[in-house]
Protein backbone atom coordinates (compact mmCIF):
# COMPACT_ATOMS: atom_id res chain seq x y z
CA MET A 1 48.81 105.78 15.69
CA SER A 2 46.85 105.47 18.17
CA GLU A 3 43.20 104.75 16.50
CA GLN A 4 45.62 101.83 14.63
CA ASN A 5 46.26 100.30 17.41
CA SER A 6 43.36 100.37 18.79
CA GLY A 7 42.31 98.53 15.48
CA ASN A 8 44.60 96.10 15.73
CA SER A 9 44.20 95.14 19.50
CA THR A 10 41.90 92.27 20.49
CA ALA A 11 39.49 92.85 23.64
CA ALA A 12 40.79 91.73 26.90
CA PRO A 13 37.91 88.50 27.56
CA ALA A 14 35.43 88.88 30.25
CA ALA A 15 36.07 87.92 33.76
CA GLN A 16 34.02 84.32 35.15
CA GLU A 17 33.19 83.05 38.13
CA GLN A 18 34.14 79.95 38.90
CA SER A 19 32.26 78.22 41.91
CA LEU A 20 34.89 75.83 44.42
CA TYR A 21 31.79 73.79 45.48
CA LYS A 22 29.59 71.63 43.57
CA SER A 23 26.36 72.21 44.27
CA ARG A 24 23.87 69.61 45.58
CA LYS A 25 21.47 67.93 43.42
CA LYS A 26 18.88 66.06 45.32
CA ILE A 27 18.64 62.53 44.82
CA HIS A 28 15.63 60.57 44.97
CA PRO A 29 16.77 56.92 44.84
CA ARG A 30 13.81 54.48 43.18
CA SER A 31 12.60 51.82 45.42
CA VAL A 32 14.04 48.34 44.02
CA THR A 33 13.23 44.36 45.12
CA GLY A 34 15.55 41.86 45.38
CA LEU A 35 18.21 39.59 46.41
CA PHE A 36 20.47 42.24 47.61
CA ALA A 37 18.22 44.46 48.88
CA ASN A 38 16.28 41.88 50.78
CA TRP A 39 19.80 41.42 52.60
CA ARG A 40 20.19 45.07 53.12
CA TRP A 41 16.95 44.88 54.88
CA ILE A 42 18.26 41.66 57.13
CA PHE A 43 21.04 43.64 58.27
CA VAL A 44 18.86 46.94 58.67
CA TRP A 45 16.54 44.91 61.25
CA LEU A 46 19.73 42.15 63.03
CA THR A 47 21.36 46.07 63.72
CA GLN A 48 18.50 47.75 64.70
CA ALA A 49 17.03 44.76 66.45
CA LEU A 50 20.04 44.64 68.45
CA TYR A 51 21.08 48.57 68.92
CA TYR A 52 17.55 49.28 70.55
CA GLY A 53 16.66 45.67 72.18
CA LEU A 54 20.02 45.51 74.36
CA PRO A 55 19.60 48.31 77.10
CA TRP A 56 16.17 46.78 78.31
CA LEU A 57 17.84 43.25 78.67
CA GLN A 58 18.41 42.54 82.19
CA TRP A 59 20.93 39.96 83.48
CA ASN A 60 21.87 39.58 87.18
CA ASP A 61 19.48 42.14 88.36
CA ARG A 62 20.90 44.64 85.99
CA GLN A 63 21.41 45.80 82.44
CA ALA A 64 22.84 43.69 80.56
CA VAL A 65 25.13 45.88 78.51
CA LEU A 66 26.07 49.04 80.36
CA PHE A 67 29.10 51.61 80.18
CA ASP A 68 28.79 52.79 83.61
CA LEU A 69 31.45 55.95 82.96
CA VAL A 70 30.30 57.08 86.45
CA ASN A 71 31.80 54.36 88.37
CA ARG A 72 34.18 52.91 85.89
CA LYS A 73 32.76 50.00 85.51
CA PHE A 74 31.65 48.36 81.82
CA PHE A 75 28.96 45.16 82.11
CA ILE A 76 28.69 43.02 79.20
CA PHE A 77 25.95 40.02 80.11
CA GLY A 78 28.21 38.21 82.50
CA LEU A 79 31.64 39.97 81.95
CA VAL A 80 32.66 42.96 84.52
CA LEU A 81 35.13 45.23 82.77
CA TRP A 82 37.40 47.45 84.75
CA PRO A 83 39.37 50.87 83.53
CA GLN A 84 42.29 48.32 83.97
CA ASP A 85 40.87 46.16 80.89
CA VAL A 86 41.33 49.13 78.24
CA PHE A 87 43.49 46.26 76.58
CA PHE A 88 40.31 44.19 75.56
CA LEU A 89 38.79 47.38 74.06
CA ALA A 90 42.40 47.96 72.20
CA ILE A 91 42.23 44.22 71.00
CA ILE A 92 38.55 44.58 69.91
CA LEU A 93 39.18 47.46 67.85
CA ILE A 94 41.94 45.81 65.91
CA ILE A 95 39.80 43.16 65.48
CA SER A 96 37.76 45.47 63.87
CA ALA A 97 40.59 46.86 61.50
CA TYR A 98 42.00 43.82 59.95
CA ALA A 99 38.17 42.38 59.35
CA LEU A 100 37.39 45.60 57.48
CA PHE A 101 40.42 45.11 55.89
CA LEU A 102 39.70 41.46 55.34
CA PHE A 103 35.83 42.18 53.74
CA THR A 104 37.14 45.06 51.97
CA ALA A 105 39.64 42.83 49.86
CA VAL A 106 37.61 39.69 49.43
CA ALA A 107 34.15 41.70 48.24
CA GLY A 108 34.43 45.55 48.28
CA ARG A 109 32.54 47.90 50.51
CA LEU A 110 30.25 45.36 52.00
CA TRP A 111 30.66 47.47 55.77
CA CYS A 112 29.17 50.21 53.83
CA GLY A 113 26.50 48.71 51.83
CA TYR A 114 24.94 46.44 54.55
CA ALA A 115 26.39 47.61 57.94
CA CYS A 116 27.49 50.91 58.29
CA PRO A 117 24.82 53.08 60.47
CA GLN A 118 24.88 55.85 57.53
CA THR A 119 23.31 53.31 55.16
CA VAL A 120 21.22 51.89 57.81
CA TYR A 121 19.53 54.44 58.71
CA THR A 122 19.21 56.74 55.50
CA GLU A 123 17.52 53.27 54.36
CA ILE A 124 15.03 53.37 57.11
CA PHE A 125 14.36 57.24 56.90
CA MET A 126 14.01 56.75 52.74
CA TRP A 127 11.13 53.95 53.78
CA ILE A 128 9.74 56.58 55.86
CA GLU A 129 10.14 59.28 52.96
CA LYS A 130 8.00 56.51 50.57
CA VAL A 131 5.60 55.75 52.89
CA ILE A 132 4.99 59.30 53.52
CA GLU A 133 5.37 60.98 50.16
CA GLY A 134 5.21 58.15 47.93
CA GLU A 135 7.54 56.79 45.01
CA ARG A 136 10.51 58.38 43.27
CA SER A 137 7.95 60.05 40.65
CA ALA A 138 5.42 61.31 42.78
CA ARG A 139 8.30 62.35 45.13
CA ILE A 140 10.10 64.54 42.65
CA LYS A 141 6.50 66.27 41.57
CA LEU A 142 6.06 66.72 45.30
CA ASP A 143 8.98 69.18 45.68
CA LYS A 144 8.81 70.49 42.11
CA ALA A 145 5.37 71.60 43.46
CA PRO A 146 4.65 74.84 45.51
CA MET A 147 3.90 74.83 49.03
CA ASP A 148 0.22 74.38 49.69
CA ALA A 149 -1.49 72.75 52.01
CA ARG A 150 -1.77 68.99 51.43
CA LYS A 151 2.48 69.42 50.69
CA PHE A 152 2.66 71.33 53.89
CA ARG A 153 0.78 68.22 55.70
CA LEU A 154 3.02 65.61 54.04
CA ARG A 155 6.30 67.04 55.14
CA ALA A 156 5.31 67.99 58.72
CA MET A 157 4.17 63.96 58.95
CA LYS A 158 7.66 63.16 57.16
CA TYR A 159 9.76 65.54 59.43
CA GLY A 160 8.04 65.01 62.39
CA ALA A 161 8.57 60.85 61.67
CA TRP A 162 12.03 61.72 61.33
CA GLY A 163 12.35 63.74 64.13
CA LEU A 164 10.39 61.14 66.80
CA LEU A 165 12.61 58.20 65.74
CA ALA A 166 16.15 60.34 65.62
CA LEU A 167 15.11 61.01 69.28
CA TRP A 168 14.42 57.60 70.30
CA THR A 169 17.84 56.87 69.13
CA GLY A 170 19.64 59.16 70.95
CA PHE A 171 18.12 58.23 74.00
CA THR A 172 18.33 54.30 73.65
CA LEU A 173 22.66 55.62 72.91
CA VAL A 174 22.23 57.57 76.82
CA GLY A 175 20.62 54.23 78.09
CA TYR A 176 24.14 52.54 77.48
CA PHE A 177 25.93 54.74 79.67
CA THR A 178 22.78 55.77 82.19
CA PRO A 179 20.30 52.73 83.17
CA ILE A 180 17.80 53.01 80.72
CA LYS A 181 15.18 52.10 82.88
CA GLU A 182 15.80 55.25 85.14
CA LEU A 183 16.23 57.06 82.09
CA TRP A 184 13.16 56.52 80.98
CA GLY A 185 11.79 57.66 84.59
CA TYR A 186 14.20 60.39 84.76
CA PHE A 187 12.12 61.33 81.48
CA TRP A 188 8.58 60.88 81.88
CA SER A 189 9.36 62.81 85.21
CA TRP A 190 11.40 65.44 83.63
CA THR A 191 14.48 64.94 85.75
CA LEU A 192 17.00 64.50 83.22
CA GLY A 193 20.27 65.55 84.10
CA PRO A 194 22.01 68.43 81.99
CA TRP A 195 24.17 66.05 80.30
CA GLU A 196 21.65 62.92 79.22
CA THR A 197 19.34 65.62 77.37
CA PHE A 198 22.52 67.24 75.52
CA TRP A 199 23.45 63.47 74.37
CA ILE A 200 19.82 62.78 73.56
CA PHE A 201 19.29 65.52 71.91
CA PHE A 202 22.98 66.52 70.36
CA TYR A 203 22.78 62.74 68.97
CA GLY A 204 19.15 62.81 67.94
CA PHE A 205 19.94 66.25 65.67
CA MET A 206 23.13 64.37 64.21
CA THR A 207 20.79 61.18 63.31
CA TYR A 208 18.38 63.25 61.74
CA LEU A 209 20.62 65.74 59.96
CA PHE A 210 23.22 63.02 58.44
CA ALA A 211 20.38 59.98 57.60
CA GLY A 212 17.13 62.60 56.56
CA ILE A 213 18.99 65.75 55.20
CA MET A 214 22.40 64.55 54.27
CA ARG A 215 22.46 61.37 53.54
CA GLU A 216 24.71 60.83 50.58
CA GLN A 217 27.02 64.05 51.51
CA VAL A 218 28.18 62.20 54.25
CA CYS A 219 29.20 58.99 52.55
CA LEU A 220 30.84 61.05 49.63
CA TYR A 221 32.54 64.00 51.01
CA MET A 222 32.79 63.11 55.00
CA CYS A 223 33.45 59.55 55.63
CA PRO A 224 37.27 59.08 54.88
CA TYR A 225 36.70 55.15 54.09
CA ALA A 226 36.16 56.17 50.86
CA ARG A 227 39.32 58.22 49.77
CA PHE A 228 41.34 54.93 51.11
CA GLN A 229 39.36 52.07 49.84
CA SER A 230 41.21 51.76 47.15
CA VAL A 231 44.68 50.77 48.54
CA MET A 232 42.71 47.50 49.42
CA PHE A 233 41.30 46.57 46.53
CA ASP A 234 43.22 44.28 43.51
CA PRO A 235 42.42 42.85 40.39
CA ASP A 236 40.80 39.77 41.96
CA THR A 237 38.84 41.77 44.87
CA LEU A 238 35.09 41.07 44.05
CA VAL A 239 33.32 44.47 43.33
CA ILE A 240 30.39 45.79 41.26
CA THR A 241 30.63 46.34 37.93
CA TYR A 242 29.08 46.66 34.82
CA ASP A 243 30.45 44.30 31.64
CA PRO A 244 30.92 46.72 28.33
CA GLU A 245 31.73 44.18 26.77
CA ARG A 246 28.40 42.73 26.92
CA GLY A 247 26.19 45.89 27.27
CA GLU A 248 27.61 48.33 24.84
CA PRO A 249 26.46 49.60 22.55
CA ARG A 250 23.96 51.05 24.60
CA GLY A 251 20.60 51.61 22.97
CA GLN A 252 16.24 50.83 22.96
CA ARG A 253 14.60 48.46 21.50
CA LYS A 254 11.44 46.54 21.63
CA LYS A 255 11.08 43.14 23.94
CA GLY A 256 12.37 40.09 21.87
CA ILE A 257 14.52 41.42 19.49
CA ASP A 258 18.02 40.00 20.03
CA PRO A 259 20.37 42.99 20.18
CA ARG A 260 22.80 41.60 17.63
CA SER A 261 20.69 41.29 15.53
CA VAL A 262 20.24 45.19 15.80
CA GLY A 263 24.20 46.00 16.40
CA LYS A 264 23.34 46.81 19.89
CA GLY A 265 24.40 44.90 23.41
CA ASP A 266 22.31 44.20 26.07
CA CYS A 267 22.02 47.40 27.60
CA ILE A 268 18.92 49.27 26.87
CA ASP A 269 20.12 52.70 28.47
CA CYS A 270 16.91 52.59 30.65
CA GLU A 271 19.22 54.23 33.72
CA ILE A 272 17.09 52.24 35.57
CA CYS A 273 20.79 51.51 37.41
CA VAL A 274 20.97 55.33 37.99
CA GLN A 275 17.90 55.85 39.60
CA VAL A 276 18.36 53.27 42.17
CA CYS A 277 21.69 54.45 43.29
CA PRO A 278 21.64 56.07 47.16
CA THR A 279 24.83 58.13 46.11
CA GLY A 280 23.48 58.92 42.06
CA ILE A 281 26.22 57.42 39.88
CA ASP A 282 26.61 56.11 37.11
CA ILE A 283 27.72 52.70 37.56
CA ARG A 284 28.22 52.21 33.60
CA ASN A 285 31.13 54.13 34.33
CA GLY A 286 32.94 51.74 35.56
CA LEU A 287 33.97 52.11 39.68
CA GLN A 288 34.27 55.03 41.12
CA TYR A 289 35.04 56.25 45.14
CA GLU A 290 30.97 57.27 45.40
CA CYS A 291 30.10 53.58 45.34
CA ILE A 292 29.04 52.32 48.62
CA GLY A 293 28.41 48.93 47.14
CA CYS A 294 25.28 48.13 47.88
CA ALA A 295 23.92 46.66 45.18
CA ALA A 296 20.76 47.72 44.26
CA CYS A 297 21.33 48.52 40.49
CA ILE A 298 22.36 44.68 40.33
CA ASP A 299 18.85 43.84 41.45
CA ALA A 300 17.47 46.65 39.15
CA CYS A 301 19.41 45.49 36.29
CA ASP A 302 18.54 41.92 36.53
CA GLU A 303 14.76 42.88 37.10
CA VAL A 304 15.23 44.55 33.45
CA MET A 305 17.50 41.78 31.99
CA ASP A 306 14.17 39.48 33.08
CA LYS A 307 11.77 41.04 31.52
CA MET A 308 13.98 41.57 28.17
CA ASP A 309 14.21 37.95 28.27
CA TYR A 310 18.17 38.48 28.56
CA PRO A 311 20.90 36.37 31.07
CA ARG A 312 21.16 38.40 34.30
CA GLY A 313 24.54 39.66 35.13
CA LEU A 314 25.08 42.80 33.30
CA ILE A 315 25.71 44.35 36.53
CA ARG A 316 27.38 41.80 38.87
CA TYR A 317 29.68 40.91 41.45
CA THR A 318 32.75 40.23 39.52
CA THR A 319 36.57 40.81 39.68
CA GLU A 320 38.73 43.15 37.19
CA ASN A 321 40.22 39.62 36.04
CA ALA A 322 37.55 37.80 35.79
CA LEU A 323 35.88 40.59 33.79
CA GLU A 324 39.05 41.11 31.20
CA LYS A 325 39.80 36.81 31.55
CA HIS A 326 35.68 36.03 30.87
CA TRP A 327 36.43 33.59 34.22
CA GLY A 328 33.47 31.94 35.19
CA ARG A 329 32.03 31.82 38.57
CA LYS A 330 34.66 28.60 40.09
CA GLU A 331 38.13 30.72 38.39
CA ILE A 332 36.76 33.65 40.29
CA LEU A 333 36.25 31.63 43.64
CA GLY A 334 39.73 29.73 43.12
CA HIS A 335 41.30 33.58 43.32
CA VAL A 336 39.97 34.20 46.52
CA LEU A 337 42.50 32.42 48.99
CA ARG A 338 45.05 34.50 47.50
CA PRO A 339 48.20 35.59 50.16
CA ARG A 340 47.11 38.72 51.63
CA ILE A 341 43.67 37.03 52.38
CA ILE A 342 45.02 34.32 53.84
CA ILE A 343 47.61 36.39 56.04
CA TYR A 344 44.69 38.56 57.04
CA THR A 345 42.13 35.55 58.35
CA VAL A 346 45.12 33.75 59.78
CA ILE A 347 45.56 37.22 61.87
CA LEU A 348 42.41 38.22 62.37
CA ILE A 349 41.71 34.46 64.00
CA ALA A 350 44.88 34.50 66.02
CA ILE A 351 43.95 37.99 67.20
CA THR A 352 40.60 36.81 67.99
CA LEU A 353 41.39 33.27 69.91
CA GLY A 354 43.64 35.87 71.78
CA LEU A 355 40.99 38.21 72.91
CA ILE A 356 39.08 35.17 73.96
CA TRP A 357 41.70 33.58 75.72
CA GLY A 358 42.57 36.88 77.78
CA ILE A 359 38.54 37.09 78.80
CA VAL A 360 38.38 33.44 79.71
CA ASN A 361 41.44 33.76 81.76
CA LYS A 362 40.21 37.00 83.08
CA PRO A 363 40.77 36.97 87.23
CA ASP A 364 37.96 37.09 89.46
CA LEU A 365 39.75 38.88 91.84
CA ARG A 366 42.28 42.17 91.60
CA VAL A 367 44.14 43.27 94.71
CA ASN A 368 46.33 46.52 94.74
CA VAL A 369 48.93 47.18 97.33
CA ILE A 370 50.45 50.49 97.56
CA ARG A 371 52.72 51.40 100.25
CA ASP A 372 51.98 54.64 101.89
CA ARG A 373 54.94 57.23 101.20
CA GLY A 374 53.01 59.70 103.45
CA VAL A 375 53.86 57.72 106.45
CA LEU A 376 57.60 56.99 106.74
CA ALA A 377 58.80 53.45 108.36
CA ARG A 378 59.19 54.01 111.52
CA GLU A 379 59.20 52.28 115.18
CA VAL A 380 56.04 51.67 117.35
CA GLU A 381 55.20 50.15 120.53
CA GLY A 382 57.36 47.02 121.68
CA GLY A 383 60.12 48.13 119.44
CA LEU A 384 58.29 46.90 116.36
CA VAL A 385 58.85 48.38 113.01
CA GLU A 386 56.01 49.26 111.08
CA ASN A 387 55.01 50.46 107.62
CA VAL A 388 51.16 51.19 106.44
CA TYR A 389 49.66 50.41 103.02
CA ARG A 390 47.06 51.04 101.17
CA LEU A 391 44.70 47.75 99.88
CA GLN A 392 42.34 48.01 97.09
CA VAL A 393 40.93 44.43 96.43
CA MET A 394 38.65 44.79 93.49
CA ASN A 395 35.59 41.87 93.77
CA VAL A 396 34.99 41.54 89.44
CA THR A 397 32.35 38.13 90.39
CA GLU A 398 28.82 39.32 90.42
CA GLN A 399 28.35 37.54 94.03
CA ALA A 400 29.82 39.16 97.56
CA HIS A 401 32.16 37.97 99.21
CA ARG A 402 34.48 37.98 102.64
CA TYR A 403 38.29 37.61 101.54
CA VAL A 404 40.67 36.73 104.21
CA VAL A 405 43.90 39.11 104.16
CA SER A 406 47.36 37.93 105.59
CA VAL A 407 50.88 38.60 104.72
CA ALA A 408 54.00 36.80 104.95
CA GLY A 409 57.56 37.31 103.57
CA LEU A 410 60.19 38.26 106.97
CA ASP A 411 60.14 36.51 110.25
CA ASN A 412 57.59 37.12 112.72
CA ILE A 413 55.66 39.21 110.86
CA LYS A 414 51.99 40.85 111.27
CA LEU A 415 49.45 42.76 110.37
CA GLU A 416 47.97 45.34 112.57
CA GLY A 417 44.38 46.66 111.05
CA GLU A 418 41.70 44.58 109.11
CA THR A 419 41.75 41.21 108.21
CA GLU A 420 38.87 40.21 106.52
CA VAL A 421 36.46 42.63 104.56
CA GLU A 422 33.25 42.77 102.63
CA VAL A 423 33.43 43.58 99.26
CA THR A 424 29.78 43.53 97.73
CA PRO A 425 29.74 42.75 93.83
CA ALA A 426 31.46 43.65 90.52
CA THR A 427 32.41 46.75 92.94
CA ALA A 428 36.43 47.45 95.09
CA LYS A 429 36.89 48.45 98.67
CA SER A 430 39.74 49.88 99.60
CA PHE A 431 41.23 50.37 103.44
CA THR A 432 44.23 50.78 105.23
CA VAL A 433 46.51 48.02 107.47
CA ALA A 434 49.76 48.53 109.14
CA VAL A 435 52.45 45.97 108.67
CA ARG A 436 54.57 45.25 111.84
CA VAL A 437 57.88 43.31 111.93
CA PRO A 438 60.91 43.07 115.09
CA PRO A 439 64.28 44.93 114.20
CA GLU A 440 66.19 41.77 113.98
CA SER A 441 64.28 39.91 111.33
CA GLY A 442 65.84 41.74 108.12
CA LYS A 443 68.69 44.05 108.13
CA LYS A 444 68.37 48.12 106.66
CA GLY A 445 66.90 48.89 103.59
CA SER A 446 64.11 46.96 101.01
CA HIS A 447 62.48 43.83 101.83
CA THR A 448 59.91 42.11 99.66
CA ILE A 449 57.10 40.66 101.27
CA PHE A 450 53.64 38.91 100.21
CA PHE A 451 50.21 39.99 100.78
CA ASP A 452 47.87 36.62 100.07
CA VAL A 453 43.93 37.86 99.79
CA ARG A 454 41.46 34.75 99.42
CA ALA A 455 37.70 34.51 99.58
CA LYS A 456 36.62 32.92 102.75
CA GLU A 457 34.19 31.01 101.33
CA ASN A 458 36.56 29.75 98.10
CA PRO A 459 40.05 29.38 99.10
CA SER A 460 40.80 28.94 95.33
CA LEU A 461 39.79 32.48 94.50
CA ALA A 462 42.90 33.77 95.72
CA VAL A 463 46.03 36.98 94.69
CA HIS A 464 49.29 36.68 96.36
CA GLU A 465 50.40 40.37 95.62
CA LYS A 466 54.04 41.13 96.26
CA ALA A 467 55.40 44.50 98.56
CA THR A 468 58.39 46.02 99.83
CA PHE A 469 59.08 46.28 103.67
CA LEU A 470 61.38 49.20 104.76
CA MET A 471 63.48 48.52 107.68
CA PRO A 472 65.13 52.27 108.71
């Protein structure tokens, strides 16, 4: 019986292991030229000229752009921001968010493809790699070759150049928070502080890791934007698209042959669009979240179409509706101004105008008045009632001013202490004053008084600040 059972039974399937992680296949993007490649490099030059150049610009004998965290002041050319101005930062972040929504709704991942720091630095690092190791085929061959003197030399040169650029990037970032000329002196005299040293090497290391080693992995697995971008797309959003109606069926053929005469589409299946893609996708498989919108595939495909004497645009910026309904450029542009775009634009303009108005009307003098709670209202010589206050006068301008302080609000009120104070440019000065009144000036309880602070040489620079006076 046991033998019969054993003969009829089927063998259990062998256990199989399945990895939960996809192994990375190194991508060697092919160089590409064309309209969109030129635009990418324009944005590379613009963003990096600003990033590396701004800390070295001078304004009123100081660094033009400096975020002085120690003294809690932000300098942006002629604008001086204090902790009380943090709402400006909130408005700037809101503007950035709405601008991202607007650009994405109009034309997809424009930010990712042209201005994102990950894209920009990856482009620079890949250019260094190409200069040192050669074009795509040479790099693939070098990767497969065993380690020898030549490969060691090329790799050392590449990694060394990456490291220097990454460290300079980290140094520049810290230069926005510590005056960069002082930082330069500290560097050469080996007197960098621990925090400056940490952030230079930390940011340098992260630049090296993200742009040199991880590259597309950051976009595919770390960036949240790739995951929620689809909620900002609609059928009228311009995205990079392969035209399957025109391109299929794919197949190779000789130049000059009409593809329809051999039963094929315009796509010759050269896969150059795949080879130039920095994330390694095949755009012919449709829109994918891995696509960063760099348009390298458009430039590559247009170049192939030119060589085959076919019309450009097999891969192009178009919309889902345009592809389905065979719209031309006029119809596509006509659907750009749809309700959500108008709403985003109106909100963006309104918030931007509000920011500009707030900056233009930002006061040049601020005064904070705090009654000293440690000193109660008391009777002093002459039978007068005294309250003690702490005044903080903030000179937001970049010129020194001498301010005159006065008080009003009760009969025969007067100040005891400093009535004039000198405040240097973009600084704050705190001092204590006593306010005295005769007991018959008011009833028992709290009374409203006002401190007036005005610049001695410019009476229009004045503040009228309310405070409370207690009568015992």
